[in-house]
Amino acid sequence: MERKYFDLAKQAYNRKDTVVDGTTYTSEEKNTALRDAFKELVPDGKNRYKSFRRNQNEIFELIEETVDDIMPKRVDDAYGGFVEYQGLAQGQKPKFKTKKGKRGLLNFITKLGLGGVIERTRLDVGYITMNMEAYGGAVYVEFERFLDGVVDFTDMTNAIIDGIMEKINIQIQTVLKASYSGLATTMKVTANAFIAADMTQLITNVSSYGDKVVIFCTPTFAGTIMEAEGFISETDKDALREYGRVGKFRSADIIVLPNAFADETNASKVLDDEYAFIIATNEQKIVKCAFEGETIVKETENSDDSLEFKVYRKFGLAIVHSNYYGVYRNTSL
């Protein structure tokens, strides 16, 4: 497959016009060109699956390289304010520097979730290493639907990336929840409702350690965040009508993590709705995330002859346990 198709695949994500090899492609033209290229490898006809099997390495290589290129952008877009990211070669180990932050407080690492270990080099500087684990999941995208034009390449790759992002969301919440008991009492609240005054105090306390504070929570928790009666602005009323939640509380932007039921029973959610994390965004980002090696795509043939993609990605997470964040737990959710 020509190199230009790899460039088109990486640019298909932004849905903007793109110049590749001197030719300008619209979003639709990029997907059409990619679909035509795949159809050369997997032409219509009774031997379609045999053609796919014969050429699947080229197809998967393009998908894997595209995911590896887009993944850092998605991580930065979602968590750029408080997650530091590293992309590593296979076998390379992550090493994040941690140092004195605002007010000269030295951060330290607790072994939470996937774990983190600090190696001190001098009093005000250390390095964090972490364990790396492989995470995989099925992506229920029928390749035939892409070839037939039902879904485009961006939809297909986004399905893969969304699966990886869900794993990251779970691990970020896991390590932050695990740190709750170790936080100072001034940095955490437990209540059976949302109380505006308590959230305001948390924001004030956390803002002592950063110029900007964000609230990181699920849609359900975000729907409870509300100013005290008599202080609700017209902007907030419009946001509630349009989105079911406000976009900012006092000085803090609200970043919402997508949440869903864990399975078809609808008995439990992927993320815990009870917790909101109030985080100061500054040069010392509290969550360290590292990806090792490359994305691996495999396929299995289902009983109905559709193709199910299985995607594997190795990553690790660690948390800098510090005064840069607080936790609000609403036990009524």
Protein backbone atom coordinates (compact mmCIF):
# COMPACT_ATOMS: atom_id res chain seq x y z
CA MET A 1 0.00 0.00 0.00
CA GLU A 2 1.38 3.40 -0.96
CA ARG A 3 2.72 5.65 1.79
CA LYS A 4 0.21 8.39 0.96
CA TYR A 5 -2.60 6.22 2.33
CA PHE A 6 -0.89 6.11 5.72
CA ASP A 7 -0.73 9.93 5.64
CA LEU A 8 -4.40 10.12 4.62
CA ALA A 9 -5.42 7.75 7.39
CA LYS A 10 -3.70 9.87 10.04
CA GLN A 11 -5.33 13.03 8.68
CA ALA A 12 -8.81 11.49 8.31
CA TYR A 13 -9.32 11.93 12.06
CA ASN A 14 -9.51 15.75 11.94
CA ARG A 15 -12.14 15.76 9.14
CA LYS A 16 -10.53 18.87 7.63
CA ASP A 17 -9.16 19.39 4.13
CA THR A 18 -5.68 17.87 3.86
CA VAL A 19 -2.88 18.18 1.30
CA VAL A 20 -1.06 14.89 0.61
CA ASP A 21 1.48 14.56 -2.20
CA GLY A 22 0.34 17.90 -3.62
CA THR A 23 -3.35 16.93 -3.79
CA THR A 24 -6.02 18.47 -1.56
CA TYR A 25 -8.49 15.99 -0.08
CA THR A 26 -11.75 16.82 1.68
CA SER A 27 -12.88 14.61 4.58
CA GLU A 28 -15.13 12.62 2.26
CA GLU A 29 -12.41 12.29 -0.37
CA LYS A 30 -9.95 10.99 2.22
CA ASN A 31 -12.34 8.23 3.26
CA THR A 32 -13.16 7.42 -0.36
CA ALA A 33 -9.47 7.14 -1.24
CA LEU A 34 -8.84 4.87 1.77
CA ARG A 35 -11.86 2.74 0.96
CA ASP A 36 -10.73 2.38 -2.67
CA ALA A 37 -7.23 1.40 -1.52
CA PHE A 38 -8.65 -1.27 0.79
CA LYS A 39 -10.92 -2.53 -1.98
CA GLU A 40 -7.86 -3.12 -4.14
CA LEU A 41 -6.65 -5.44 -1.40
CA VAL A 42 -10.09 -6.87 -0.66
CA PRO A 43 -12.14 -6.68 -3.88
CA ASP A 44 -15.84 -7.48 -4.07
CA GLY A 45 -16.71 -11.06 -4.95
CA LYS A 46 -16.98 -14.51 -3.51
CA ASN A 47 -13.31 -14.63 -2.50
CA ARG A 48 -13.49 -11.46 -0.42
CA TYR A 49 -12.47 -13.08 2.86
CA LYS A 50 -9.61 -14.97 1.23
CA SER A 51 -8.36 -11.65 -0.17
CA PHE A 52 -8.62 -10.09 3.28
CA ARG A 53 -6.73 -12.94 4.88
CA ARG A 54 -4.00 -12.68 2.24
CA ASN A 55 -3.59 -8.90 2.72
CA GLN A 56 -4.55 -8.41 6.35
CA ASN A 57 -1.01 -7.52 7.46
CA GLU A 58 -1.04 -4.41 5.26
CA ILE A 59 -4.53 -3.48 6.44
CA PHE A 60 -3.71 -3.93 10.12
CA GLU A 61 -0.40 -2.10 9.77
CA LEU A 62 -2.23 0.98 8.50
CA ILE A 63 -4.81 0.81 11.31
CA GLU A 64 -2.13 0.24 13.97
CA GLU A 65 0.05 3.10 12.76
CA THR A 66 -2.96 5.42 12.59
CA VAL A 67 -4.04 4.57 16.15
CA ASP A 68 -0.48 5.06 17.43
CA ASP A 69 -0.35 8.48 15.77
CA ILE A 70 -3.74 9.68 17.01
CA MET A 71 -3.68 8.20 20.53
CA PRO A 72 -1.35 10.84 22.08
CA LYS A 73 -3.57 13.61 20.67
CA ARG A 74 -6.66 12.04 22.22
CA VAL A 75 -4.93 11.64 25.59
CA ASP A 76 -3.77 15.27 25.54
CA ASP A 77 -7.22 16.54 24.47
CA ALA A 78 -8.93 14.60 27.25
CA TYR A 79 -6.48 15.01 30.14
CA GLY A 80 -3.81 17.47 29.04
CA GLY A 81 -4.27 19.61 32.14
CA PHE A 82 -3.23 16.94 34.62
CA VAL A 83 -1.80 13.91 32.77
CA GLU A 84 1.80 13.75 31.57
CA TYR A 85 2.25 11.35 28.67
CA GLN A 86 5.24 9.37 27.35
CA GLY A 87 5.38 7.14 24.28
CA LEU A 88 8.06 4.46 24.52
CA ALA A 89 9.61 1.81 22.32
CA GLN A 90 9.00 -1.85 23.18
CA GLY A 91 11.13 -2.80 26.18
CA GLN A 92 11.87 0.81 27.15
CA LYS A 93 10.86 1.73 30.69
CA PRO A 94 9.11 5.00 31.61
CA LYS A 95 10.91 7.57 33.72
CA PHE A 96 9.06 10.72 34.79
CA LYS A 97 10.79 13.53 36.66
CA THR A 98 9.03 14.94 39.71
CA LYS A 99 10.21 18.03 41.57
CA LYS A 100 9.26 20.71 44.05
CA GLY A 101 6.12 22.49 43.02
CA LYS A 102 4.46 25.67 44.16
CA ARG A 103 5.22 26.46 47.82
CA GLY A 104 8.30 24.23 47.60
CA LEU A 105 6.54 20.99 48.54
CA LEU A 106 8.20 17.80 47.36
CA ASN A 107 5.74 15.39 45.78
CA PHE A 108 5.84 11.70 46.59
CA ILE A 109 4.44 8.61 44.98
CA THR A 110 2.14 6.04 46.51
CA LYS A 111 1.82 2.54 45.14
CA LEU A 112 -1.77 2.71 43.91
CA GLY A 113 -3.58 0.92 41.15
CA LEU A 114 -0.94 -0.06 38.60
CA GLY A 115 1.70 1.26 40.97
CA GLY A 116 4.43 3.84 41.02
CA VAL A 117 7.92 3.84 42.52
CA ILE A 118 10.00 6.93 43.17
CA GLU A 119 13.76 7.03 42.87
CA ARG A 120 15.25 10.07 44.58
CA THR A 121 18.28 11.74 43.04
CA ARG A 122 18.43 14.75 45.33
CA LEU A 123 16.17 16.44 47.88
CA ASP A 124 14.01 18.32 45.38
CA VAL A 125 14.06 15.96 42.37
CA GLY A 126 13.08 12.34 41.84
CA TYR A 127 12.12 9.99 39.03
CA ILE A 128 9.00 7.87 38.79
CA THR A 129 8.99 4.45 37.18
CA MET A 130 5.95 2.20 36.83
CA ASN A 131 4.80 -1.25 35.86
CA MET A 132 3.41 -1.68 32.35
CA GLU A 133 0.48 -3.96 31.57
CA ALA A 134 -1.21 -4.96 28.33
CA TYR A 135 -4.87 -4.02 27.95
CA GLY A 136 -7.03 -5.41 25.22
CA GLY A 137 -10.61 -5.34 24.10
CA ALA A 138 -12.83 -6.35 21.24
CA VAL A 139 -13.90 -3.71 18.75
CA TYR A 140 -17.17 -4.67 17.19
CA VAL A 141 -16.70 -3.15 13.78
CA GLU A 142 -17.51 -5.20 10.72
CA PHE A 143 -14.82 -4.53 8.15
CA GLU A 144 -17.34 -5.21 5.41
CA ARG A 145 -19.38 -2.21 6.59
CA PHE A 146 -16.38 0.03 5.98
CA LEU A 147 -15.81 -1.44 2.52
CA ASP A 148 -19.50 -0.99 1.73
CA GLY A 149 -19.42 2.67 2.83
CA VAL A 150 -21.67 2.26 5.88
CA VAL A 151 -18.96 3.51 8.25
CA ASP A 152 -15.90 5.59 7.37
CA PHE A 153 -12.29 5.05 8.37
CA THR A 154 -12.49 7.68 11.12
CA ASP A 155 -15.47 5.89 12.70
CA MET A 156 -13.61 2.60 12.57
CA THR A 157 -10.39 3.90 14.13
CA ASN A 158 -12.31 5.95 16.70
CA ALA A 159 -14.07 2.75 17.83
CA ILE A 160 -10.63 1.27 18.48
CA ILE A 161 -9.29 4.37 20.25
CA ASP A 162 -12.47 4.77 22.33
CA GLY A 163 -11.96 1.24 23.62
CA ILE A 164 -8.41 2.09 24.72
CA MET A 165 -9.52 5.43 26.22
CA GLU A 166 -12.13 3.64 28.32
CA LYS A 167 -9.38 1.49 29.83
CA ILE A 168 -7.37 4.64 30.60
CA ASN A 169 -10.41 6.33 32.19
CA ILE A 170 -10.95 3.32 34.45
CA GLN A 171 -7.32 3.25 35.57
CA ILE A 172 -7.14 7.01 36.19
CA GLN A 173 -10.24 6.85 38.36
CA THR A 174 -8.92 3.73 40.12
CA VAL A 175 -5.66 5.36 41.21
CA LEU A 176 -7.35 8.62 42.23
CA LYS A 177 -10.04 6.81 44.25
CA ALA A 178 -7.40 4.71 45.96
CA SER A 179 -5.67 7.87 47.18
CA TYR A 180 -8.80 9.20 48.93
CA SER A 181 -8.05 7.86 52.41
CA GLY A 182 -4.55 9.36 52.36
CA LEU A 183 -5.67 12.90 51.54
CA ALA A 184 -5.68 15.64 54.16
CA THR A 185 -9.14 16.40 55.56
CA THR A 186 -9.01 19.83 53.91
CA MET A 187 -8.70 18.12 50.52
CA LYS A 188 -11.70 15.79 50.63
CA VAL A 189 -15.45 15.90 51.23
CA THR A 190 -17.94 13.09 51.77
CA ALA A 191 -21.62 14.00 51.69
CA ASN A 192 -24.93 12.46 50.62
CA ALA A 193 -25.66 15.38 48.28
CA PHE A 194 -23.88 18.10 46.34
CA ILE A 195 -23.24 21.05 48.63
CA ALA A 196 -22.04 24.15 46.79
CA ALA A 197 -20.19 25.59 49.78
CA ASP A 198 -18.16 22.39 50.27
CA MET A 199 -17.15 22.22 46.61
CA THR A 200 -16.23 25.90 46.67
CA GLN A 201 -13.95 25.35 49.66
CA LEU A 202 -12.25 22.41 47.92
CA ILE A 203 -11.64 24.53 44.82
CA THR A 204 -10.19 27.29 47.00
CA ASN A 205 -7.87 24.86 48.81
CA VAL A 206 -6.65 23.19 45.61
CA SER A 207 -6.18 26.51 43.81
CA SER A 208 -3.41 27.34 46.29
CA TYR A 209 -1.25 24.92 44.29
CA GLY A 210 -2.07 25.90 40.72
CA ASP A 211 -3.22 28.76 38.53
CA LYS A 212 -6.19 26.84 37.14
CA VAL A 213 -8.47 24.21 38.66
CA VAL A 214 -10.65 21.67 36.85
CA ILE A 215 -13.36 19.30 38.09
CA PHE A 216 -13.04 15.82 36.62
CA CYS A 217 -16.19 13.64 36.93
CA THR A 218 -18.83 11.52 35.20
CA PRO A 219 -21.95 12.99 33.54
CA THR A 220 -24.10 11.84 36.47
CA PHE A 221 -21.98 13.71 39.03
CA ALA A 222 -21.74 16.73 36.73
CA GLY A 223 -25.54 16.86 36.63
CA THR A 224 -25.60 17.49 40.39
CA ILE A 225 -23.15 20.42 40.34
CA MET A 226 -25.16 23.56 40.90
CA GLU A 227 -24.79 26.95 42.50
CA ALA A 228 -26.71 27.62 45.69
CA GLU A 229 -30.27 28.82 45.20
CA GLY A 230 -30.36 32.45 44.14
CA PHE A 231 -26.92 32.35 42.48
CA ILE A 232 -27.80 30.46 39.29
CA SER A 233 -26.93 32.56 36.25
CA GLU A 234 -28.77 32.69 32.94
CA THR A 235 -25.75 31.05 31.32
CA ASP A 236 -26.05 28.11 33.72
CA LYS A 237 -29.78 27.85 33.03
CA ASP A 238 -29.11 27.70 29.29
CA ALA A 239 -26.43 25.03 29.81
CA LEU A 240 -28.81 22.95 31.93
CA ARG A 241 -31.49 23.10 29.24
CA GLU A 242 -29.02 22.26 26.48
CA TYR A 243 -26.66 19.74 28.11
CA GLY A 244 -28.18 18.75 31.45
CA ARG A 245 -25.22 20.21 33.36
CA VAL A 246 -23.20 23.41 33.75
CA GLY A 247 -19.80 23.79 32.12
CA LYS A 248 -18.13 25.69 34.96
CA PHE A 249 -18.54 25.93 38.71
CA ARG A 250 -17.08 29.08 40.25
CA SER A 251 -13.62 29.29 38.66
CA ALA A 252 -13.31 25.60 37.74
CA ASP A 253 -14.08 24.09 34.33
CA ILE A 254 -15.95 20.79 34.47
CA ILE A 255 -14.38 17.97 32.42
CA VAL A 256 -16.81 15.11 31.89
CA LEU A 257 -15.67 11.53 31.34
CA PRO A 258 -17.99 9.40 29.22
CA ASN A 259 -19.60 6.66 31.28
CA ALA A 260 -21.64 3.63 30.34
CA PHE A 261 -23.11 0.47 31.81
CA ALA A 262 -20.57 -2.32 32.19
CA ASP A 263 -22.76 -4.86 30.37
CA GLU A 264 -26.24 -5.53 29.06
CA THR A 265 -27.66 -6.13 32.56
CA ASN A 266 -27.38 -2.37 33.30
CA ALA A 267 -26.49 -3.33 36.87
CA SER A 268 -23.29 -1.30 37.20
CA LYS A 269 -21.39 1.49 35.47
CA VAL A 270 -17.88 1.40 34.06
CA LEU A 271 -16.90 4.42 36.19
CA ASP A 272 -18.04 5.24 39.73
CA ASP A 273 -20.45 8.19 39.67
CA GLU A 274 -19.85 9.04 43.34
CA TYR A 275 -16.46 10.69 42.83
CA ALA A 276 -15.36 14.05 41.44
CA PHE A 277 -11.69 15.03 41.38
CA ILE A 278 -10.71 18.68 41.78
CA ILE A 279 -7.30 19.10 40.21
CA ALA A 280 -4.86 21.99 39.91
CA THR A 281 -3.38 22.12 36.42
CA ASN A 282 0.20 23.32 36.39
CA GLU A 283 3.62 22.18 35.25
CA GLN A 284 3.65 19.28 37.72
CA LYS A 285 0.92 17.00 36.37
CA ILE A 286 -0.37 14.56 38.98
CA VAL A 287 -1.02 11.55 36.72
CA LYS A 288 1.78 9.93 34.73
CA CYS A 289 0.76 7.79 31.75
CA ALA A 290 3.16 5.83 29.55
CA PHE A 291 2.51 3.72 26.44
CA GLU A 292 5.03 1.04 25.56
CA GLY A 293 5.48 -0.45 22.11
CA GLU A 294 2.87 -0.38 19.37
CA THR A 295 -0.83 -1.04 19.05
CA ILE A 296 -1.52 -4.62 17.98
CA VAL A 297 -4.63 -5.43 15.95
CA LYS A 298 -5.83 -9.00 15.46
CA GLU A 299 -9.01 -10.35 13.91
CA THR A 300 -11.33 -13.24 14.52
CA GLU A 301 -14.07 -14.46 12.24
CA ASN A 302 -17.51 -14.64 13.86
CA SER A 303 -20.12 -17.27 13.12
CA ASP A 304 -21.88 -14.85 10.75
CA ASP A 305 -18.59 -14.29 8.86
CA SER A 306 -18.24 -10.73 10.16
CA LEU A 307 -14.79 -9.67 11.35
CA GLU A 308 -14.22 -8.66 14.95
CA PHE A 309 -11.07 -6.64 15.63
CA LYS A 310 -9.22 -7.24 18.87
CA VAL A 311 -6.87 -4.46 19.90
CA TYR A 312 -4.06 -4.61 22.44
CA ARG A 313 -2.10 -1.70 23.91
CA LYS A 314 0.43 -1.72 26.73
CA PHE A 315 0.36 1.20 29.16
CA GLY A 316 0.99 2.11 32.78
CA LEU A 317 -0.28 4.76 35.19
CA ALA A 318 1.04 6.28 38.40
CA ILE A 319 -0.12 9.16 40.55
CA VAL A 320 1.88 11.92 42.21
CA HIS A 321 0.26 12.02 45.63
CA SER A 322 0.31 15.69 46.54
CA ASN A 323 -1.75 18.70 47.52
CA TYR A 324 -2.50 19.42 43.86
CA TYR A 325 -5.90 17.74 44.00
CA GLY A 326 -8.94 17.07 46.15
CA VAL A 327 -11.85 14.63 46.04
CA TYR A 328 -15.58 15.18 46.51
CA ARG A 329 -17.59 11.99 47.16
CA ASN A 330 -21.37 12.18 46.80
CA THR A 331 -22.63 8.94 48.37
CA SER A 332 -26.19 9.48 47.08
CA LEU A 333 -25.12 8.65 43.52
